[in-house]
Amino acid sequence: MFGLFKKKTEQEKLQDQYEKLMREAYLLSSTNRKMSDQKTFEANQLMDQIARLS
């Protein structure tokens, strides 16, 4: 209830982007392997940024 207006931290924003990219990579894995690999690579770069923030 009280977290309704709480703003997301930079780490939470990056985590959301990471999850979105991994979801896209999974969906692409059955149709376009090259694009799936690219999305996975981008997601791994985001995970490195998240690790640096922690």
PDB file of N, CA and C in Angstrom:
ATOM      1  N   MET A   1       0.820  -1.188   0.000  1.00  0.00           N
ATOM      2  CA  MET A   1       0.000   0.000   0.000  1.00  0.00           C
ATOM      3  C   MET A   1       0.863   1.251   0.000  1.00  0.00           C
ATOM      4  N   PHE A   2       1.858   1.299   0.924  1.00  0.00           N
ATOM      5  CA  PHE A   2       2.674   2.487   1.025  1.00  0.00           C
ATOM      6  C   PHE A   2       3.762   2.532  -0.043  1.00  0.00           C
ATOM      7  N   GLY A   3       4.041   1.401  -0.705  1.00  0.00           N
ATOM      8  CA  GLY A   3       5.030   1.357  -1.772  1.00  0.00           C
ATOM      9  C   GLY A   3       4.445   1.745  -3.125  1.00  0.00           C
ATOM     10  N   LEU A   4       3.214   2.242  -3.113  1.00  0.00           N
ATOM     11  CA  LEU A   4       2.521   2.571  -4.343  1.00  0.00           C
ATOM     12  C   LEU A   4       3.249   3.643  -5.150  1.00  0.00           C
ATOM     13  N   PHE A   5       3.804   4.637  -4.475  1.00  0.00           N
ATOM     14  CA  PHE A   5       4.447   5.753  -5.159  1.00  0.00           C
ATOM     15  C   PHE A   5       5.967   5.684  -5.088  1.00  0.00           C
ATOM     16  N   LYS A   6       6.486   4.559  -4.671  1.00  0.00           N
ATOM     17  CA  LYS A   6       7.926   4.384  -4.562  1.00  0.00           C
ATOM     18  C   LYS A   6       8.537   4.290  -5.957  1.00  0.00           C
ATOM     19  N   LYS A   7       9.612   5.039  -6.176  1.00  0.00           N
ATOM     20  CA  LYS A   7      10.285   4.999  -7.467  1.00  0.00           C
ATOM     21  C   LYS A   7      11.261   3.839  -7.499  1.00  0.00           C
ATOM     22  N   LYS A   8      11.461   3.290  -8.681  1.00  0.00           N
ATOM     23  CA  LYS A   8      12.379   2.171  -8.836  1.00  0.00           C
ATOM     24  C   LYS A   8      13.817   2.680  -8.805  1.00  0.00           C
ATOM     25  N   THR A   9      14.675   1.880  -8.212  1.00  0.00           N
ATOM     26  CA  THR A   9      16.096   2.205  -8.203  1.00  0.00           C
ATOM     27  C   THR A   9      16.691   1.827  -9.554  1.00  0.00           C
ATOM     28  N   GLU A  10      17.905   2.288  -9.812  1.00  0.00           N
ATOM     29  CA  GLU A  10      18.592   1.960 -11.060  1.00  0.00           C
ATOM     30  C   GLU A  10      18.754   0.449 -11.209  1.00  0.00           C
ATOM     31  N   GLN A  11      19.060  -0.214 -10.103  1.00  0.00           N
ATOM     32  CA  GLN A  11      19.243  -1.662 -10.123  1.00  0.00           C
ATOM     33  C   GLN A  11      17.937  -2.373 -10.483  1.00  0.00           C
ATOM     34  N   GLU A  12      16.817  -1.909  -9.955  1.00  0.00           N
ATOM     35  CA  GLU A  12      15.526  -2.513 -10.273  1.00  0.00           C
ATOM     36  C   GLU A  12      15.163  -2.301 -11.740  1.00  0.00           C
ATOM     37  N   LYS A  13      15.492  -1.137 -12.287  1.00  0.00           N
ATOM     38  CA  LYS A  13      15.222  -0.868 -13.696  1.00  0.00           C
ATOM     39  C   LYS A  13      16.046  -1.798 -14.586  1.00  0.00           C
ATOM     40  N   LEU A  14      17.323  -1.970 -14.235  1.00  0.00           N
ATOM     41  CA  LEU A  14      18.177  -2.864 -15.010  1.00  0.00           C
ATOM     42  C   LEU A  14      17.696  -4.309 -14.920  1.00  0.00           C
ATOM     43  N   GLN A  15      17.228  -4.704 -13.737  1.00  0.00           N
ATOM     44  CA  GLN A  15      16.713  -6.062 -13.554  1.00  0.00           C
ATOM     45  C   GLN A  15      15.480  -6.294 -14.435  1.00  0.00           C
ATOM     46  N   ASP A  16      14.613  -5.299 -14.522  1.00  0.00           N
ATOM     47  CA  ASP A  16      13.428  -5.410 -15.375  1.00  0.00           C
ATOM     48  C   ASP A  16      13.827  -5.545 -16.844  1.00  0.00           C
ATOM     49  N   GLN A  17      14.822  -4.746 -17.276  1.00  0.00           N
ATOM     50  CA  GLN A  17      15.300  -4.838 -18.651  1.00  0.00           C
ATOM     51  C   GLN A  17      15.913  -6.206 -18.916  1.00  0.00           C
ATOM     52  N   TYR A  18      16.663  -6.724 -17.944  1.00  0.00           N
ATOM     53  CA  TYR A  18      17.282  -8.041 -18.076  1.00  0.00           C
ATOM     54  C   TYR A  18      16.210  -9.117 -18.278  1.00  0.00           C
ATOM     55  N   GLU A  19      15.181  -9.078 -17.453  1.00  0.00           N
ATOM     56  CA  GLU A  19      14.110 -10.066 -17.555  1.00  0.00           C
ATOM     57  C   GLU A  19      13.394  -9.967 -18.900  1.00  0.00           C
ATOM     58  N   LYS A  20      13.179  -8.749 -19.390  1.00  0.00           N
ATOM     59  CA  LYS A  20      12.525  -8.549 -20.676  1.00  0.00           C
ATOM     60  C   LYS A  20      13.377  -9.133 -21.804  1.00  0.00           C
ATOM     61  N   LEU A  21      14.685  -8.871 -21.775  1.00  0.00           N
ATOM     62  CA  LEU A  21      15.567  -9.389 -22.817  1.00  0.00           C
ATOM     63  C   LEU A  21      15.629 -10.915 -22.789  1.00  0.00           C
ATOM     64  N   MET A  22      15.650 -11.497 -21.605  1.00  0.00           N
ATOM     65  CA  MET A  22      15.699 -12.954 -21.512  1.00  0.00           C
ATOM     66  C   MET A  22      14.402 -13.586 -22.019  1.00  0.00           C
ATOM     67  N   ARG A  23      13.274 -12.930 -21.754  1.00  0.00           N
ATOM     68  CA  ARG A  23      11.990 -13.403 -22.262  1.00  0.00           C
ATOM     69  C   ARG A  23      11.982 -13.369 -23.790  1.00  0.00           C
ATOM     70  N   GLU A  24      12.481 -12.250 -24.361  1.00  0.00           N
ATOM     71  CA  GLU A  24      12.545 -12.122 -25.818  1.00  0.00           C
ATOM     72  C   GLU A  24      13.477 -13.176 -26.409  1.00  0.00           C
ATOM     73  N   ALA A  25      14.613 -13.401 -25.751  1.00  0.00           N
ATOM     74  CA  ALA A  25      15.568 -14.398 -26.245  1.00  0.00           C
ATOM     75  C   ALA A  25      14.940 -15.781 -26.249  1.00  0.00           C
ATOM     76  N   TYR A  26      14.179 -16.089 -25.230  1.00  0.00           N
ATOM     77  CA  TYR A  26      13.517 -17.399 -25.161  1.00  0.00           C
ATOM     78  C   TYR A  26      12.509 -17.556 -26.297  1.00  0.00           C
ATOM     79  N   LEU A  27      11.728 -16.513 -26.545  1.00  0.00           N
ATOM     80  CA  LEU A  27      10.730 -16.591 -27.601  1.00  0.00           C
ATOM     81  C   LEU A  27      11.384 -16.705 -28.978  1.00  0.00           C
ATOM     82  N   LEU A  28      12.510 -16.033 -29.161  1.00  0.00           N
ATOM     83  CA  LEU A  28      13.201 -16.069 -30.441  1.00  0.00           C
ATOM     84  C   LEU A  28      13.987 -17.358 -30.648  1.00  0.00           C
ATOM     85  N   SER A  29      14.274 -18.082 -29.587  1.00  0.00           N
ATOM     86  CA  SER A  29      15.139 -19.255 -29.688  1.00  0.00           C
ATOM     87  C   SER A  29      14.595 -20.326 -30.627  1.00  0.00           C
ATOM     88  N   SER A  30      13.303 -20.371 -30.802  1.00  0.00           N
ATOM     89  CA  SER A  30      12.731 -21.399 -31.674  1.00  0.00           C
ATOM     90  C   SER A  30      12.591 -20.939 -33.123  1.00  0.00           C
ATOM     91  N   THR A  31      12.712 -19.627 -33.370  1.00  0.00           N
ATOM     92  CA  THR A  31      12.518 -19.139 -34.730  1.00  0.00           C
ATOM     93  C   THR A  31      13.768 -18.508 -35.325  1.00  0.00           C
ATOM     94  N   ASN A  32      14.518 -17.769 -34.527  1.00  0.00           N
ATOM     95  CA  ASN A  32      15.667 -17.039 -35.051  1.00  0.00           C
ATOM     96  C   ASN A  32      16.804 -17.126 -34.043  1.00  0.00           C
ATOM     97  N   ARG A  33      17.657 -18.094 -34.212  1.00  0.00           N
ATOM     98  CA  ARG A  33      18.716 -18.363 -33.230  1.00  0.00           C
ATOM     99  C   ARG A  33      19.715 -17.211 -33.134  1.00  0.00           C
ATOM    100  N   LYS A  34      20.021 -16.566 -34.234  1.00  0.00           N
ATOM    101  CA  LYS A  34      20.990 -15.461 -34.215  1.00  0.00           C
ATOM    102  C   LYS A  34      20.471 -14.298 -33.362  1.00  0.00           C
ATOM    103  N   MET A  35      19.211 -13.941 -33.540  1.00  0.00           N
ATOM    104  CA  MET A  35      18.625 -12.856 -32.744  1.00  0.00           C
ATOM    105  C   MET A  35      18.514 -13.261 -31.278  1.00  0.00           C
ATOM    106  N   SER A  36      18.211 -14.515 -31.022  1.00  0.00           N
ATOM    107  CA  SER A  36      18.136 -15.014 -29.654  1.00  0.00           C
ATOM    108  C   SER A  36      19.491 -14.875 -28.964  1.00  0.00           C
ATOM    109  N   ASP A  37      20.556 -15.245 -29.669  1.00  0.00           N
ATOM    110  CA  ASP A  37      21.904 -15.116 -29.111  1.00  0.00           C
ATOM    111  C   ASP A  37      22.250 -13.661 -28.838  1.00  0.00           C
ATOM    112  N   GLN A  38      21.818 -12.756 -29.724  1.00  0.00           N
ATOM    113  CA  GLN A  38      22.086 -11.329 -29.535  1.00  0.00           C
ATOM    114  C   GLN A  38      21.372 -10.812 -28.290  1.00  0.00           C
ATOM    115  N   LYS A  39      20.124 -11.197 -28.108  1.00  0.00           N
ATOM    116  CA  LYS A  39      19.358 -10.766 -26.929  1.00  0.00           C
ATOM    117  C   LYS A  39      19.987 -11.322 -25.651  1.00  0.00           C
ATOM    118  N   THR A  40      20.462 -12.557 -25.696  1.00  0.00           N
ATOM    119  CA  THR A  40      21.113 -13.157 -24.541  1.00  0.00           C
ATOM    120  C   THR A  40      22.398 -12.415 -24.208  1.00  0.00           C
ATOM    121  N   PHE A  41      23.154 -12.038 -25.232  1.00  0.00           N
ATOM    122  CA  PHE A  41      24.383 -11.274 -25.033  1.00  0.00           C
ATOM    123  C   PHE A  41      24.085  -9.929 -24.373  1.00  0.00           C
ATOM    124  N   GLU A  42      23.060  -9.232 -24.858  1.00  0.00           N
ATOM    125  CA  GLU A  42      22.668  -7.946 -24.270  1.00  0.00           C
ATOM    126  C   GLU A  42      22.234  -8.124 -22.821  1.00  0.00           C
ATOM    127  N   ALA A  43      21.502  -9.190 -22.542  1.00  0.00           N
ATOM    128  CA  ALA A  43      21.048  -9.462 -21.178  1.00  0.00           C
ATOM    129  C   ALA A  43      22.237  -9.728 -20.255  1.00  0.00           C
ATOM    130  N   ASN A  44      23.234 -10.442 -20.759  1.00  0.00           N
ATOM    131  CA  ASN A  44      24.426 -10.705 -19.949  1.00  0.00           C
ATOM    132  C   ASN A  44      25.203  -9.427 -19.658  1.00  0.00           C
ATOM    133  N   GLN A  45      25.224  -8.500 -20.597  1.00  0.00           N
ATOM    134  CA  GLN A  45      25.866  -7.209 -20.348  1.00  0.00           C
ATOM    135  C   GLN A  45      25.127  -6.453 -19.245  1.00  0.00           C
ATOM    136  N   LEU A  46      23.799  -6.500 -19.272  1.00  0.00           N
ATOM    137  CA  LEU A  46      23.017  -5.858 -18.218  1.00  0.00           C
ATOM    138  C   LEU A  46      23.286  -6.508 -16.861  1.00  0.00           C
ATOM    139  N   MET A  47      23.437  -7.833 -16.847  1.00  0.00           N
ATOM    140  CA  MET A  47      23.717  -8.527 -15.588  1.00  0.00           C
ATOM    141  C   MET A  47      25.070  -8.086 -15.036  1.00  0.00           C
ATOM    142  N   ASP A  48      26.039  -7.841 -15.900  1.00  0.00           N
ATOM    143  CA  ASP A  48      27.333  -7.325 -15.450  1.00  0.00           C
ATOM    144  C   ASP A  48      27.178  -5.944 -14.818  1.00  0.00           C
ATOM    145  N   GLN A  49      26.352  -5.088 -15.413  1.00  0.00           N
ATOM    146  CA  GLN A  49      26.094  -3.761 -14.844  1.00  0.00           C
ATOM    147  C   GLN A  49      25.420  -3.885 -13.472  1.00  0.00           C
ATOM    148  N   ILE A  50      24.473  -4.794 -13.367  1.00  0.00           N
ATOM    149  CA  ILE A  50      23.779  -5.008 -12.093  1.00  0.00           C
ATOM    150  C   ILE A  50      24.766  -5.461 -11.034  1.00  0.00           C
ATOM    151  N   ALA A  51      25.677  -6.339 -11.414  1.00  0.00           N
ATOM    152  CA  ALA A  51      26.675  -6.839 -10.465  1.00  0.00           C
ATOM    153  C   ALA A  51      27.601  -5.719 -10.016  1.00  0.00           C
ATOM    154  N   ARG A  52      27.939  -4.805 -10.912  1.00  0.00           N
ATOM    155  CA  ARG A  52      28.798  -3.682 -10.529  1.00  0.00           C
ATOM    156  C   ARG A  52      28.092  -2.726  -9.574  1.00  0.00           C
ATOM    157  N   LEU A  53      26.779  -2.599  -9.702  1.00  0.00           N
ATOM    158  CA  LEU A  53      26.028  -1.718  -8.811  1.00  0.00           C
ATOM    159  C   LEU A  53      25.865  -2.296  -7.418  1.00  0.00           C
ATOM    160  N   SER A  54      25.899  -3.613  -7.318  1.00  0.00           N
ATOM    161  CA  SER A  54      25.680  -4.269  -6.016  1.00  0.00           C
ATOM    162  C   SER A  54      26.853  -4.117  -5.097  1.00  0.00           C
TER     163      SER A  54
END
